[in-house]
Structure formats: C-alpha cells, structure tokens
C-alpha cells in the first residue's frame, strides 16, 4: 500500500506540473540567469507549487 501511495503521488505531481508550468509561463514568472545562477537559460519559477499541492492533497486523502 505505501508503494501505491508514493506512485499515485508521483503521477499526480507530474500531471499537475504541466498546467502549473503553462500558467507560470502565461504570467511570465521567469527567473533570468545572472552571474551566480546555475542555469544558463531563463527558467520558470514556482514549480514547487505542484509539489506542495500534491503533498497537501495526499495528506488530506490519507487523513480521510
């Protein structure tokens, strides 16, 4: 059962990441690289929203 929960959470997070990424691009929430950056291309900021939403949703589902 714990493996199923982890796999479902991973799938939900991956599927939720796609619309979150599109929404962040639409609102131009982008991090431009500078001298201290580890990336060389502009990168979308806020992808952790999908992770937090998945964790909260799975936690509420497990409590129920």
PDB file of N, CA and C in Angstrom:
ATOM      1  N   UNK A   1       0.811  -1.215   0.000  1.00  0.00           N
ATOM      2  CA  UNK A   1       0.000   0.000   0.000  1.00  0.00           C
ATOM      3  C   UNK A   1       0.851   1.274   0.000  1.00  0.00           C
ATOM      4  N   UNK A   2       1.933   1.356   0.806  1.00  0.00           N
ATOM      5  CA  UNK A   2       2.738   2.587   0.764  1.00  0.00           C
ATOM      6  C   UNK A   2       3.340   2.851  -0.616  1.00  0.00           C
ATOM      7  N   UNK A   3       3.713   1.795  -1.338  1.00  0.00           N
ATOM      8  CA  UNK A   3       4.264   1.982  -2.678  1.00  0.00           C
ATOM      9  C   UNK A   3       3.219   2.558  -3.619  1.00  0.00           C
ATOM     10  N   UNK A   4       1.991   2.119  -3.486  1.00  0.00           N
ATOM     11  CA  UNK A   4       0.908   2.641  -4.322  1.00  0.00           C
ATOM     12  C   UNK A   4       0.696   4.122  -4.046  1.00  0.00           C
ATOM     13  N   UNK A   5       0.738   4.504  -2.781  1.00  0.00           N
ATOM     14  CA  UNK A   5       0.558   5.910  -2.406  1.00  0.00           C
ATOM     15  C   UNK A   5       1.661   6.761  -3.001  1.00  0.00           C
ATOM     16  N   UNK A   6       2.888   6.291  -2.926  1.00  0.00           N
ATOM     17  CA  UNK A   6       4.021   7.040  -3.479  1.00  0.00           C
ATOM     18  C   UNK A   6       3.890   7.153  -4.998  1.00  0.00           C
ATOM     19  N   UNK A   7       3.509   6.084  -5.667  1.00  0.00           N
ATOM     20  CA  UNK A   7       3.362   6.120  -7.123  1.00  0.00           C
ATOM     21  C   UNK A   7       2.222   7.034  -7.557  1.00  0.00           C
ATOM     22  N   UNK A   8       1.115   7.008  -6.823  1.00  0.00           N
ATOM     23  CA  UNK A   8       0.000   7.902  -7.139  1.00  0.00           C
ATOM     24  C   UNK A   8       0.411   9.361  -6.925  1.00  0.00           C
ATOM     25  N   UNK A   9       1.108   9.634  -5.832  1.00  0.00           N
ATOM     26  CA  UNK A   9       1.570  10.996  -5.559  1.00  0.00           C
ATOM     27  C   UNK A   9       2.527  11.476  -6.642  1.00  0.00           C
ATOM     28  N   UNK A  10       3.429  10.609  -7.087  1.00  0.00           N
ATOM     29  CA  UNK A  10       4.369  10.988  -8.141  1.00  0.00           C
ATOM     30  C   UNK A  10       3.642  11.283  -9.447  1.00  0.00           C
ATOM     31  N   UNK A  11       2.660  10.457  -9.783  1.00  0.00           N
ATOM     32  CA  UNK A  11       1.898  10.667 -11.013  1.00  0.00           C
ATOM     33  C   UNK A  11       1.082  11.959 -10.946  1.00  0.00           C
ATOM     34  N   UNK A  12       0.441  12.205  -9.819  1.00  0.00           N
ATOM     35  CA  UNK A  12      -0.358  13.425  -9.652  1.00  0.00           C
ATOM     36  C   UNK A  12       0.537  14.651  -9.738  1.00  0.00           C
ATOM     37  N   UNK A  13       1.691  14.590  -9.100  1.00  0.00           N
ATOM     38  CA  UNK A  13       2.623  15.719  -9.119  1.00  0.00           C
ATOM     39  C   UNK A  13       3.107  15.992 -10.537  1.00  0.00           C
ATOM     40  N   UNK A  14       3.423  14.945 -11.270  1.00  0.00           N
ATOM     41  CA  UNK A  14       3.887  15.113 -12.643  1.00  0.00           C
ATOM     42  C   UNK A  14       2.778  15.697 -13.518  1.00  0.00           C
ATOM     43  N   UNK A  15       1.562  15.161 -13.376  1.00  0.00           N
ATOM     44  CA  UNK A  15       0.447  15.652 -14.178  1.00  0.00           C
ATOM     45  C   UNK A  15       0.048  17.076 -13.801  1.00  0.00           C
ATOM     46  N   UNK A  16       0.161  17.423 -12.534  1.00  0.00           N
ATOM     47  CA  UNK A  16      -0.170  18.777 -12.082  1.00  0.00           C
ATOM     48  C   UNK A  16       0.911  19.772 -12.492  1.00  0.00           C
ATOM     49  N   UNK A  17       2.124  19.300 -12.672  1.00  0.00           N
ATOM     50  CA  UNK A  17       3.221  20.185 -13.055  1.00  0.00           C
ATOM     51  C   UNK A  17       3.048  20.782 -14.432  1.00  0.00           C
ATOM     52  N   UNK A  18       2.384  20.079 -15.331  1.00  0.00           N
ATOM     53  CA  UNK A  18       2.204  20.575 -16.701  1.00  0.00           C
ATOM     54  C   UNK A  18       1.338  21.844 -16.736  1.00  0.00           C
ATOM     55  N   UNK A  19       0.134  21.840 -16.143  1.00  0.00           N
ATOM     56  CA  UNK A  19      -0.652  23.081 -16.172  1.00  0.00           C
ATOM     57  C   UNK A  19      -0.044  24.194 -15.318  1.00  0.00           C
ATOM     58  N   UNK A  20       0.639  23.825 -14.230  1.00  0.00           N
ATOM     59  CA  UNK A  20       1.293  24.854 -13.406  1.00  0.00           C
ATOM     60  C   UNK A  20       2.385  25.531 -14.228  1.00  0.00           C
ATOM     61  N   UNK A  21       3.158  24.756 -14.975  1.00  0.00           N
ATOM     62  CA  UNK A  21       4.212  25.320 -15.807  1.00  0.00           C
ATOM     63  C   UNK A  21       3.628  26.266 -16.861  1.00  0.00           C
ATOM     64  N   UNK A  22       2.549  25.858 -17.494  1.00  0.00           N
ATOM     65  CA  UNK A  22       1.905  26.711 -18.503  1.00  0.00           C
ATOM     66  C   UNK A  22       1.359  28.000 -17.887  1.00  0.00           C
ATOM     67  N   UNK A  23       0.781  27.884 -16.705  1.00  0.00           N
ATOM     68  CA  UNK A  23       0.245  29.058 -16.024  1.00  0.00           C
ATOM     69  C   UNK A  23       1.362  30.035 -15.654  1.00  0.00           C
ATOM     70  N   UNK A  24       2.472  29.511 -15.154  1.00  0.00           N
ATOM     71  CA  UNK A  24       3.604  30.365 -14.807  1.00  0.00           C
ATOM     72  C   UNK A  24       4.199  31.032 -16.040  1.00  0.00           C
ATOM     73  N   UNK A  25       4.248  30.320 -17.150  1.00  0.00           N
ATOM     74  CA  UNK A  25       4.728  30.930 -18.396  1.00  0.00           C
ATOM     75  C   UNK A  25       3.785  32.026 -18.871  1.00  0.00           C
ATOM     76  N   UNK A  26       2.473  31.790 -18.739  1.00  0.00           N
ATOM     77  CA  UNK A  26       1.487  32.789 -19.174  1.00  0.00           C
ATOM     78  C   UNK A  26       1.643  34.092 -18.391  1.00  0.00           C
ATOM     79  N   UNK A  27       1.936  33.982 -17.094  1.00  0.00           N
ATOM     80  CA  UNK A  27       2.093  35.168 -16.259  1.00  0.00           C
ATOM     81  C   UNK A  27       3.536  35.655 -16.197  1.00  0.00           C
ATOM     82  N   UNK A  28       4.410  35.067 -17.025  1.00  0.00           N
ATOM     83  CA  UNK A  28       5.807  35.484 -17.140  1.00  0.00           C
ATOM     84  C   UNK A  28       6.550  35.461 -15.801  1.00  0.00           C
ATOM     85  N   UNK A  29       6.332  34.400 -15.020  1.00  0.00           N
ATOM     86  CA  UNK A  29       7.049  34.231 -13.750  1.00  0.00           C
ATOM     87  C   UNK A  29       8.299  33.427 -14.072  1.00  0.00           C
ATOM     88  N   UNK A  30       9.322  34.156 -14.524  1.00  0.00           N
ATOM     89  CA  UNK A  30      10.529  33.543 -15.053  1.00  0.00           C
ATOM     90  C   UNK A  30      11.738  34.111 -14.330  1.00  0.00           C
ATOM     91  N   UNK A  31      12.696  33.237 -14.044  1.00  0.00           N
ATOM     92  CA  UNK A  31      13.950  33.632 -13.427  1.00  0.00           C
ATOM     93  C   UNK A  31      15.002  33.751 -14.515  1.00  0.00           C
ATOM     94  N   UNK A  32      15.518  34.956 -14.714  1.00  0.00           N
ATOM     95  CA  UNK A  32      16.576  35.161 -15.702  1.00  0.00           C
ATOM     96  C   UNK A  32      17.926  34.868 -15.057  1.00  0.00           C
ATOM     97  N   UNK A  33      18.795  34.164 -15.765  1.00  0.00           N
ATOM     98  CA  UNK A  33      20.098  33.827 -15.181  1.00  0.00           C
ATOM     99  C   UNK A  33      20.993  35.054 -15.010  1.00  0.00           C
ATOM    100  N   UNK A  34      21.812  35.001 -13.975  1.00  0.00           N
ATOM    101  CA  UNK A  34      22.817  36.036 -13.756  1.00  0.00           C
ATOM    102  C   UNK A  34      24.149  35.349 -13.461  1.00  0.00           C
ATOM    103  N   UNK A  35      25.130  36.074 -12.972  1.00  0.00           N
ATOM    104  CA  UNK A  35      26.455  35.502 -12.725  1.00  0.00           C
ATOM    105  C   UNK A  35      26.425  34.354 -11.724  1.00  0.00           C
ATOM    106  N   UNK A  36      25.558  34.440 -10.730  1.00  0.00           N
ATOM    107  CA  UNK A  36      25.522  33.444  -9.661  1.00  0.00           C
ATOM    108  C   UNK A  36      24.592  32.273  -9.955  1.00  0.00           C
ATOM    109  N   UNK A  37      23.874  32.317 -11.050  1.00  0.00           N
ATOM    110  CA  UNK A  37      22.889  31.275 -11.363  1.00  0.00           C
ATOM    111  C   UNK A  37      23.565  29.991 -11.822  1.00  0.00           C
ATOM    112  N   UNK A  38      22.893  28.881 -11.535  1.00  0.00           N
ATOM    113  CA  UNK A  38      23.382  27.601 -12.016  1.00  0.00           C
ATOM    114  C   UNK A  38      22.771  27.239 -13.367  1.00  0.00           C
ATOM    115  N   UNK A  39      21.814  28.020 -13.844  1.00  0.00           N
ATOM    116  CA  UNK A  39      21.216  27.766 -15.148  1.00  0.00           C
ATOM    117  C   UNK A  39      21.663  28.831 -16.144  1.00  0.00           C
ATOM    118  N   UNK A  40      21.601  28.482 -17.424  1.00  0.00           N
ATOM    119  CA  UNK A  40      22.049  29.407 -18.465  1.00  0.00           C
ATOM    120  C   UNK A  40      20.890  29.962 -19.284  1.00  0.00           C
ATOM    121  N   UNK A  41      19.726  29.330 -19.208  1.00  0.00           N
ATOM    122  CA  UNK A  41      18.541  29.794 -19.922  1.00  0.00           C
ATOM    123  C   UNK A  41      17.513  30.298 -18.918  1.00  0.00           C
ATOM    124  N   UNK A  42      16.613  31.185 -19.337  1.00  0.00           N
ATOM    125  CA  UNK A  42      15.526  31.592 -18.443  1.00  0.00           C
ATOM    126  C   UNK A  42      14.717  30.375 -17.998  1.00  0.00           C
ATOM    127  N   UNK A  43      14.384  30.330 -16.714  1.00  0.00           N
ATOM    128  CA  UNK A  43      13.723  29.176 -16.114  1.00  0.00           C
ATOM    129  C   UNK A  43      12.460  29.634 -15.390  1.00  0.00           C
ATOM    130  N   UNK A  44      11.414  28.842 -15.510  1.00  0.00           N
ATOM    131  CA  UNK A  44      10.153  29.146 -14.824  1.00  0.00           C
ATOM    132  C   UNK A  44      10.359  28.984 -13.319  1.00  0.00           C
ATOM    133  N   UNK A  45       9.839  29.929 -12.553  1.00  0.00           N
ATOM    134  CA  UNK A  45       9.912  29.861 -11.095  1.00  0.00           C
ATOM    135  C   UNK A  45       8.553  29.452 -10.551  1.00  0.00           C
ATOM    136  N   UNK A  46       8.549  28.651  -9.485  1.00  0.00           N
ATOM    137  CA  UNK A  46       7.293  28.303  -8.837  1.00  0.00           C
ATOM    138  C   UNK A  46       6.801  26.909  -9.124  1.00  0.00           C
ATOM    139  N   UNK A  47       7.625  26.066  -9.700  1.00  0.00           N
ATOM    140  CA  UNK A  47       7.201  24.702  -9.973  1.00  0.00           C
ATOM    141  C   UNK A  47       6.913  23.899  -8.715  1.00  0.00           C
ATOM    142  N   UNK A  48       7.423  24.357  -7.584  1.00  0.00           N
ATOM    143  CA  UNK A  48       7.160  23.693  -6.316  1.00  0.00           C
ATOM    144  C   UNK A  48       5.705  23.765  -5.894  1.00  0.00           C
ATOM    145  N   UNK A  49       4.935  24.631  -6.550  1.00  0.00           N
ATOM    146  CA  UNK A  49       3.510  24.729  -6.249  1.00  0.00           C
ATOM    147  C   UNK A  49       2.836  23.385  -6.488  1.00  0.00           C
ATOM    148  N   UNK A  50       3.220  22.695  -7.556  1.00  0.00           N
ATOM    149  CA  UNK A  50       2.634  21.383  -7.857  1.00  0.00           C
ATOM    150  C   UNK A  50       3.003  20.367  -6.781  1.00  0.00           C
ATOM    151  N   UNK A  51       4.218  20.441  -6.281  1.00  0.00           N
ATOM    152  CA  UNK A  51       4.664  19.511  -5.238  1.00  0.00           C
ATOM    153  C   UNK A  51       3.906  19.758  -3.944  1.00  0.00           C
ATOM    154  N   UNK A  52       3.783  21.011  -3.545  1.00  0.00           N
ATOM    155  CA  UNK A  52       3.072  21.353  -2.304  1.00  0.00           C
ATOM    156  C   UNK A  52       1.599  20.958  -2.410  1.00  0.00           C
ATOM    157  N   UNK A  53       0.980  21.253  -3.546  1.00  0.00           N
ATOM    158  CA  UNK A  53      -0.435  20.902  -3.727  1.00  0.00           C
ATOM    159  C   UNK A  53      -0.628  19.391  -3.660  1.00  0.00           C
ATOM    160  N   UNK A  54       0.293  18.642  -4.247  1.00  0.00           N
ATOM    161  CA  UNK A  54       0.195  17.182  -4.203  1.00  0.00           C
ATOM    162  C   UNK A  54       0.364  16.664  -2.787  1.00  0.00           C
ATOM    163  N   UNK A  55       1.346  17.186  -2.066  1.00  0.00           N
ATOM    164  CA  UNK A  55       1.562  16.749  -0.688  1.00  0.00           C
ATOM    165  C   UNK A  55       0.356  17.053   0.197  1.00  0.00           C
ATOM    166  N   UNK A  56      -0.204  18.246   0.046  1.00  0.00           N
ATOM    167  CA  UNK A  56      -1.385  18.596   0.840  1.00  0.00           C
ATOM    168  C   UNK A  56      -2.577  17.708   0.473  1.00  0.00           C
ATOM    169  N   UNK A  57      -2.790  17.513  -0.825  1.00  0.00           N
ATOM    170  CA  UNK A  57      -3.897  16.672  -1.267  1.00  0.00           C
ATOM    171  C   UNK A  57      -3.754  15.227  -0.796  1.00  0.00           C
ATOM    172  N   UNK A  58      -2.564  14.665  -0.926  1.00  0.00           N
ATOM    173  CA  UNK A  58      -2.347  13.288  -0.500  1.00  0.00           C
ATOM    174  C   UNK A  58      -2.464  13.176   1.034  1.00  0.00           C
ATOM    175  N   UNK A  59      -1.985  14.187   1.743  1.00  0.00           N
ATOM    176  CA  UNK A  59      -2.109  14.167   3.201  1.00  0.00           C
ATOM    177  C   UNK A  59      -3.557  14.193   3.647  1.00  0.00           C
ATOM    178  N   UNK A  60      -4.351  15.039   2.996  1.00  0.00           N
ATOM    179  CA  UNK A  60      -5.786  15.093   3.334  1.00  0.00           C
ATOM    180  C   UNK A  60      -6.487  13.794   2.970  1.00  0.00           C
ATOM    181  N   UNK A  61      -6.093  13.213   1.840  1.00  0.00           N
ATOM    182  CA  UNK A  61      -6.684  11.941   1.424  1.00  0.00           C
ATOM    183  C   UNK A  61      -6.337  10.837   2.421  1.00  0.00           C
ATOM    184  N   UNK A  62      -5.108  10.813   2.904  1.00  0.00           N
ATOM    185  CA  UNK A  62      -4.717   9.797   3.886  1.00  0.00           C
ATOM    186  C   UNK A  62      -5.404   9.988   5.235  1.00  0.00           C
ATOM    187  N   UNK A  63      -5.647  11.246   5.610  1.00  0.00           N
ATOM    188  CA  UNK A  63      -6.362  11.505   6.862  1.00  0.00           C
ATOM    189  C   UNK A  63      -7.822  11.090   6.770  1.00  0.00           C
ATOM    190  N   UNK A  64      -8.390  11.182   5.576  1.00  0.00           N
ATOM    191  CA  UNK A  64      -9.785  10.834   5.389  1.00  0.00           C
ATOM    192  C   UNK A  64      -9.921   9.348   5.450  1.00  0.00           C
TER     193      UNK A  64
END
